[in-house]
Amino acid sequence: MSDVTRLLDAAAAGDRRAATDLLPLVYDELRKLAATRMANESPEHTLQPTALVHEAYLRLHGPTDDTRWENRGHFFAAAAEAMRRILVDAARRKRREKHGGQIERVDLPDIPGRDPDDRLLALDDALTRLAAEDPVAARVVELRQFAGLGHDAVAAALGITVYAARQKWTFARAWLRDAISQHF
């Protein structure tokens, strides 16, 4: 009798340690079985082979499981059946209206975003121009954006009122938005 069959019998008899010892022995084979099953699924399937193995193993060795496995082949056949049921349940769940099953999926074009470095350079250029027009507003932006300070801390650092700090922040955001939008 192989180790797997012996452990399967012991696990079916209620030996928790046998169930724990069984998983490392069969895990690689279950993983291959799951990968084979998942190869037939669509690429956007959210269930991964490892999760499928774990879910199937839990179904095979649940708390009320009193199934006796005749041999290794019987166990793997049951594991394959459990995996099939899990995948079918997932497919049914995705088709339900509650989960967007009636929604037609549309592929969106892959449009490259702006380079973060370009945005930072544009912000630096605009901030330099703002400093020439309103140095206090430029300092407020620097303290808020780059130092992470709130209005109270900005006001204390610049020696102005909180009200003035908020006004400068509002003005600077609008000014910079306009300046940066002209750059792009």
C-alpha atoms as a PDB file:
ATOM      1  CA  MET A   1       0.000   0.000   0.000  1.00  0.00           C
ATOM      2  CA  SER A   2       1.444   3.379  -0.973  1.00  0.00           C
ATOM      3  CA  ASP A   3       1.918   6.246   1.488  1.00  0.00           C
ATOM      4  CA  VAL A   4      -0.846   8.221  -0.232  1.00  0.00           C
ATOM      5  CA  THR A   5      -3.341   5.360   0.057  1.00  0.00           C
ATOM      6  CA  ARG A   6      -2.397   4.780   3.707  1.00  0.00           C
ATOM      7  CA  LEU A   7      -2.812   8.478   4.501  1.00  0.00           C
ATOM      8  CA  LEU A   8      -6.103   8.619   2.581  1.00  0.00           C
ATOM      9  CA  ASP A   9      -7.459   5.751   4.678  1.00  0.00           C
ATOM     10  CA  ALA A  10      -6.261   7.343   7.913  1.00  0.00           C
ATOM     11  CA  ALA A  11      -7.700  10.745   6.946  1.00  0.00           C
ATOM     12  CA  ALA A  12     -11.043   9.150   6.118  1.00  0.00           C
ATOM     13  CA  ALA A  13     -10.976   7.504   9.538  1.00  0.00           C
ATOM     14  CA  GLY A  14     -10.719  10.947  11.135  1.00  0.00           C
ATOM     15  CA  ASP A  15      -6.974  11.264  11.667  1.00  0.00           C
ATOM     16  CA  ARG A  16      -6.347  15.014  11.280  1.00  0.00           C
ATOM     17  CA  ARG A  17      -2.594  14.553  11.115  1.00  0.00           C
ATOM     18  CA  ALA A  18      -2.957  12.169   8.188  1.00  0.00           C
ATOM     19  CA  ALA A  19      -4.971  14.789   6.303  1.00  0.00           C
ATOM     20  CA  THR A  20      -2.228  17.326   7.035  1.00  0.00           C
ATOM     21  CA  ASP A  21       0.522  14.926   5.944  1.00  0.00           C
ATOM     22  CA  LEU A  22      -1.353  14.057   2.756  1.00  0.00           C
ATOM     23  CA  LEU A  23      -1.324  17.496   1.166  1.00  0.00           C
ATOM     24  CA  PRO A  24       2.472  17.771   0.637  1.00  0.00           C
ATOM     25  CA  LEU A  25       2.499  14.330  -0.993  1.00  0.00           C
ATOM     26  CA  VAL A  26      -0.262  15.089  -3.503  1.00  0.00           C
ATOM     27  CA  TYR A  27       0.081  18.852  -3.867  1.00  0.00           C
ATOM     28  CA  ASP A  28       2.304  18.864  -6.978  1.00  0.00           C
ATOM     29  CA  GLU A  29       0.066  16.384  -8.781  1.00  0.00           C
ATOM     30  CA  LEU A  30      -3.060  18.343  -7.794  1.00  0.00           C
ATOM     31  CA  ARG A  31      -1.390  21.536  -8.996  1.00  0.00           C
ATOM     32  CA  LYS A  32      -0.644  19.949 -12.390  1.00  0.00           C
ATOM     33  CA  LEU A  33      -4.223  18.713 -12.609  1.00  0.00           C
ATOM     34  CA  ALA A  34      -5.505  22.214 -11.783  1.00  0.00           C
ATOM     35  CA  ALA A  35      -3.173  23.839 -14.316  1.00  0.00           C
ATOM     36  CA  THR A  36      -4.490  21.443 -16.971  1.00  0.00           C
ATOM     37  CA  ARG A  37      -8.076  22.308 -16.064  1.00  0.00           C
ATOM     38  CA  MET A  38      -7.312  26.041 -16.062  1.00  0.00           C
ATOM     39  CA  ALA A  39      -5.605  25.883 -19.469  1.00  0.00           C
ATOM     40  CA  ASN A  40      -9.044  25.374 -21.011  1.00  0.00           C
ATOM     41  CA  GLU A  41     -10.485  28.428 -19.256  1.00  0.00           C
ATOM     42  CA  SER A  42     -10.580  31.944 -20.690  1.00  0.00           C
ATOM     43  CA  PRO A  43      -7.529  34.126 -19.995  1.00  0.00           C
ATOM     44  CA  GLU A  44      -9.510  36.593 -17.865  1.00  0.00           C
ATOM     45  CA  HIS A  45     -10.617  33.873 -15.466  1.00  0.00           C
ATOM     46  CA  THR A  46      -9.992  35.122 -11.946  1.00  0.00           C
ATOM     47  CA  LEU A  47      -9.425  31.748 -10.309  1.00  0.00           C
ATOM     48  CA  GLN A  48      -5.782  30.676 -10.289  1.00  0.00           C
ATOM     49  CA  PRO A  49      -4.606  27.025 -10.281  1.00  0.00           C
ATOM     50  CA  THR A  50      -3.285  27.290  -6.726  1.00  0.00           C
ATOM     51  CA  ALA A  51      -6.616  28.601  -5.453  1.00  0.00           C
ATOM     52  CA  LEU A  52      -8.388  25.835  -7.365  1.00  0.00           C
ATOM     53  CA  VAL A  53      -6.197  23.191  -5.689  1.00  0.00           C
ATOM     54  CA  HIS A  54      -6.862  24.627  -2.244  1.00  0.00           C
ATOM     55  CA  GLU A  55     -10.610  24.872  -2.799  1.00  0.00           C
ATOM     56  CA  ALA A  56     -10.774  21.330  -4.160  1.00  0.00           C
ATOM     57  CA  TYR A  57      -8.730  19.996  -1.248  1.00  0.00           C
ATOM     58  CA  LEU A  58     -11.077  21.703   1.198  1.00  0.00           C
ATOM     59  CA  ARG A  59     -14.064  20.125  -0.539  1.00  0.00           C
ATOM     60  CA  LEU A  60     -12.419  16.708  -0.468  1.00  0.00           C
ATOM     61  CA  HIS A  61     -11.465  16.914   3.203  1.00  0.00           C
ATOM     62  CA  GLY A  62     -14.228  19.034   4.664  1.00  0.00           C
ATOM     63  CA  PRO A  63     -15.211  18.828   8.336  1.00  0.00           C
ATOM     64  CA  THR A  64     -18.080  16.399   7.670  1.00  0.00           C
ATOM     65  CA  ASP A  65     -16.224  14.284   5.120  1.00  0.00           C
ATOM     66  CA  ASP A  66     -16.440  10.573   5.840  1.00  0.00           C
ATOM     67  CA  THR A  67     -15.464   9.396   2.348  1.00  0.00           C
ATOM     68  CA  ARG A  68     -13.052   6.489   2.120  1.00  0.00           C
ATOM     69  CA  TRP A  69     -10.765   6.544  -0.865  1.00  0.00           C
ATOM     70  CA  GLU A  70     -10.116   3.160  -2.405  1.00  0.00           C
ATOM     71  CA  ASN A  71      -6.753   4.185  -3.800  1.00  0.00           C
ATOM     72  CA  ARG A  72      -4.708   7.015  -5.214  1.00  0.00           C
ATOM     73  CA  GLY A  73      -6.589   6.960  -8.534  1.00  0.00           C
ATOM     74  CA  HIS A  74      -9.940   7.239  -6.775  1.00  0.00           C
ATOM     75  CA  PHE A  75      -8.673  10.252  -4.823  1.00  0.00           C
ATOM     76  CA  PHE A  76      -7.401  12.042  -7.947  1.00  0.00           C
ATOM     77  CA  ALA A  77     -10.615  11.280  -9.824  1.00  0.00           C
ATOM     78  CA  ALA A  78     -12.563  12.846  -6.969  1.00  0.00           C
ATOM     79  CA  ALA A  79     -10.177  15.828  -6.978  1.00  0.00           C
ATOM     80  CA  ALA A  80     -10.719  16.319 -10.714  1.00  0.00           C
ATOM     81  CA  GLU A  81     -14.486  16.178 -10.184  1.00  0.00           C
ATOM     82  CA  ALA A  82     -14.247  18.730  -7.357  1.00  0.00           C
ATOM     83  CA  MET A  83     -12.208  21.060  -9.581  1.00  0.00           C
ATOM     84  CA  ARG A  84     -14.748  20.722 -12.369  1.00  0.00           C
ATOM     85  CA  ARG A  85     -17.582  21.590  -9.985  1.00  0.00           C
ATOM     86  CA  ILE A  86     -15.694  24.603  -8.654  1.00  0.00           C
ATOM     87  CA  LEU A  87     -15.098  25.920 -12.178  1.00  0.00           C
ATOM     88  CA  VAL A  88     -18.729  25.324 -13.163  1.00  0.00           C
ATOM     89  CA  ASP A  89     -19.937  27.100 -10.006  1.00  0.00           C
ATOM     90  CA  ALA A  90     -17.645  30.042 -10.802  1.00  0.00           C
ATOM     91  CA  ALA A  91     -18.935  30.212 -14.379  1.00  0.00           C
ATOM     92  CA  ARG A  92     -22.550  30.148 -13.196  1.00  0.00           C
ATOM     93  CA  ARG A  93     -21.827  32.840 -10.629  1.00  0.00           C
ATOM     94  CA  LYS A  94     -20.294  35.096 -13.312  1.00  0.00           C
ATOM     95  CA  ARG A  95     -23.340  34.640 -15.551  1.00  0.00           C
ATOM     96  CA  ARG A  96     -25.758  35.791 -12.889  1.00  0.00           C
ATOM     97  CA  GLU A  97     -27.189  39.215 -13.484  1.00  0.00           C
ATOM     98  CA  LYS A  98     -26.090  40.239 -10.001  1.00  0.00           C
ATOM     99  CA  HIS A  99     -22.472  39.700 -11.052  1.00  0.00           C
ATOM    100  CA  GLY A 100     -22.781  41.459 -14.413  1.00  0.00           C
ATOM    101  CA  GLY A 101     -23.604  38.359 -16.444  1.00  0.00           C
ATOM    102  CA  GLN A 102     -25.899  40.262 -18.816  1.00  0.00           C
ATOM    103  CA  ILE A 103     -23.349  42.972 -19.505  1.00  0.00           C
ATOM    104  CA  GLU A 104     -21.562  42.796 -22.831  1.00  0.00           C
ATOM    105  CA  ARG A 105     -17.827  43.055 -22.366  1.00  0.00           C
ATOM    106  CA  VAL A 106     -16.013  45.520 -24.610  1.00  0.00           C
ATOM    107  CA  ASP A 107     -12.259  45.679 -25.013  1.00  0.00           C
ATOM    108  CA  LEU A 108     -10.905  49.149 -24.462  1.00  0.00           C
ATOM    109  CA  PRO A 109      -7.974  50.373 -26.515  1.00  0.00           C
ATOM    110  CA  ASP A 110      -4.687  50.483 -24.671  1.00  0.00           C
ATOM    111  CA  ILE A 111      -3.821  54.170 -24.678  1.00  0.00           C
ATOM    112  CA  PRO A 112      -0.478  54.966 -23.126  1.00  0.00           C
ATOM    113  CA  GLY A 113      -0.692  57.425 -20.256  1.00  0.00           C
ATOM    114  CA  ARG A 114       1.441  60.454 -19.819  1.00  0.00           C
ATOM    115  CA  ASP A 115       4.945  59.854 -18.625  1.00  0.00           C
ATOM    116  CA  PRO A 116       5.140  60.777 -14.919  1.00  0.00           C
ATOM    117  CA  ASP A 117       8.483  62.459 -15.553  1.00  0.00           C
ATOM    118  CA  ASP A 118       6.907  64.734 -18.170  1.00  0.00           C
ATOM    119  CA  ARG A 119       4.202  65.722 -15.690  1.00  0.00           C
ATOM    120  CA  LEU A 120       6.782  66.455 -12.995  1.00  0.00           C
ATOM    121  CA  LEU A 121       8.856  68.562 -15.373  1.00  0.00           C
ATOM    122  CA  ALA A 122       5.747  70.461 -16.480  1.00  0.00           C
ATOM    123  CA  LEU A 123       4.822  71.054 -12.829  1.00  0.00           C
ATOM    124  CA  ASP A 124       8.322  72.298 -12.060  1.00  0.00           C
ATOM    125  CA  ASP A 125       8.249  74.678 -15.023  1.00  0.00           C
ATOM    126  CA  ALA A 126       4.795  75.972 -14.064  1.00  0.00           C
ATOM    127  CA  LEU A 127       5.827  76.316 -10.408  1.00  0.00           C
ATOM    128  CA  THR A 128       8.854  78.381 -11.429  1.00  0.00           C
ATOM    129  CA  ARG A 129       6.613  80.693 -13.453  1.00  0.00           C
ATOM    130  CA  LEU A 130       4.134  80.896 -10.544  1.00  0.00           C
ATOM    131  CA  ALA A 131       6.966  81.847  -8.175  1.00  0.00           C
ATOM    132  CA  ALA A 132       7.788  84.805 -10.434  1.00  0.00           C
ATOM    133  CA  GLU A 133       4.148  85.944 -10.271  1.00  0.00           C
ATOM    134  CA  ASP A 134       3.274  85.028  -6.638  1.00  0.00           C
ATOM    135  CA  PRO A 135       6.156  83.671  -4.525  1.00  0.00           C
ATOM    136  CA  VAL A 136       3.968  82.931  -1.483  1.00  0.00           C
ATOM    137  CA  ALA A 137       1.524  80.848  -3.561  1.00  0.00           C
ATOM    138  CA  ALA A 138       4.469  78.884  -4.991  1.00  0.00           C
ATOM    139  CA  ARG A 139       5.796  78.195  -1.467  1.00  0.00           C
ATOM    140  CA  VAL A 140       2.320  77.049  -0.369  1.00  0.00           C
ATOM    141  CA  VAL A 141       2.278  74.539  -3.237  1.00  0.00           C
ATOM    142  CA  GLU A 142       5.768  73.290  -2.376  1.00  0.00           C
ATOM    143  CA  LEU A 143       4.869  72.795   1.275  1.00  0.00           C
ATOM    144  CA  ARG A 144       1.535  71.123   0.499  1.00  0.00           C
ATOM    145  CA  GLN A 145       2.650  68.901  -2.386  1.00  0.00           C
ATOM    146  CA  PHE A 146       6.237  68.060  -1.586  1.00  0.00           C
ATOM    147  CA  ALA A 147       6.313  68.280   2.218  1.00  0.00           C
ATOM    148  CA  GLY A 148       2.769  67.009   2.766  1.00  0.00           C
ATOM    149  CA  LEU A 149       1.856  69.805   5.179  1.00  0.00           C
ATOM    150  CA  GLY A 150      -1.724  70.816   5.912  1.00  0.00           C
ATOM    151  CA  HIS A 151      -3.056  74.376   5.820  1.00  0.00           C
ATOM    152  CA  ASP A 152      -2.275  75.014   9.504  1.00  0.00           C
ATOM    153  CA  ALA A 153       1.333  73.863   9.166  1.00  0.00           C
ATOM    154  CA  VAL A 154       1.802  75.812   5.916  1.00  0.00           C
ATOM    155  CA  ALA A 155       0.473  78.970   7.571  1.00  0.00           C
ATOM    156  CA  ALA A 156       2.809  78.525  10.536  1.00  0.00           C
ATOM    157  CA  ALA A 157       5.829  77.845   8.292  1.00  0.00           C
ATOM    158  CA  LEU A 158       5.210  80.919   6.135  1.00  0.00           C
ATOM    159  CA  GLY A 159       4.027  83.211   8.920  1.00  0.00           C
ATOM    160  CA  ILE A 160       0.624  83.853   7.322  1.00  0.00           C
ATOM    161  CA  THR A 161      -2.922  83.160   8.469  1.00  0.00           C
ATOM    162  CA  VAL A 162      -4.633  79.873   7.743  1.00  0.00           C
ATOM    163  CA  TYR A 163      -7.196  81.803   5.696  1.00  0.00           C
ATOM    164  CA  ALA A 164      -4.402  83.302   3.556  1.00  0.00           C
ATOM    165  CA  ALA A 165      -2.813  79.853   3.145  1.00  0.00           C
ATOM    166  CA  ARG A 166      -6.130  78.442   1.902  1.00  0.00           C
ATOM    167  CA  GLN A 167      -6.588  81.364  -0.504  1.00  0.00           C
ATOM    168  CA  LYS A 168      -3.071  80.976  -1.901  1.00  0.00           C
ATOM    169  CA  TRP A 169      -3.615  77.216  -2.262  1.00  0.00           C
ATOM    170  CA  THR A 170      -6.873  77.708  -4.173  1.00  0.00           C
ATOM    171  CA  PHE A 171      -5.304  80.340  -6.430  1.00  0.00           C
ATOM    172  CA  ALA A 172      -2.161  78.259  -7.047  1.00  0.00           C
ATOM    173  CA  ARG A 173      -4.109  75.088  -7.914  1.00  0.00           C
ATOM    174  CA  ALA A 174      -6.183  76.932 -10.522  1.00  0.00           C
ATOM    175  CA  TRP A 175      -3.135  78.740 -11.902  1.00  0.00           C
ATOM    176  CA  LEU A 176      -1.072  75.534 -12.132  1.00  0.00           C
ATOM    177  CA  ARG A 177      -3.936  73.542 -13.678  1.00  0.00           C
ATOM    178  CA  ASP A 178      -4.208  76.154 -16.423  1.00  0.00           C
ATOM    179  CA  ALA A 179      -0.436  76.345 -16.947  1.00  0.00           C
ATOM    180  CA  ILE A 180       0.020  72.563 -17.076  1.00  0.00           C
ATOM    181  CA  SER A 181      -2.971  71.996 -19.378  1.00  0.00           C
ATOM    182  CA  GLN A 182      -1.357  74.387 -21.882  1.00  0.00           C
ATOM    183  CA  HIS A 183       1.811  72.273 -21.730  1.00  0.00           C
ATOM    184  CA  PHE A 184      -0.051  69.080 -22.655  1.00  0.00           C
END
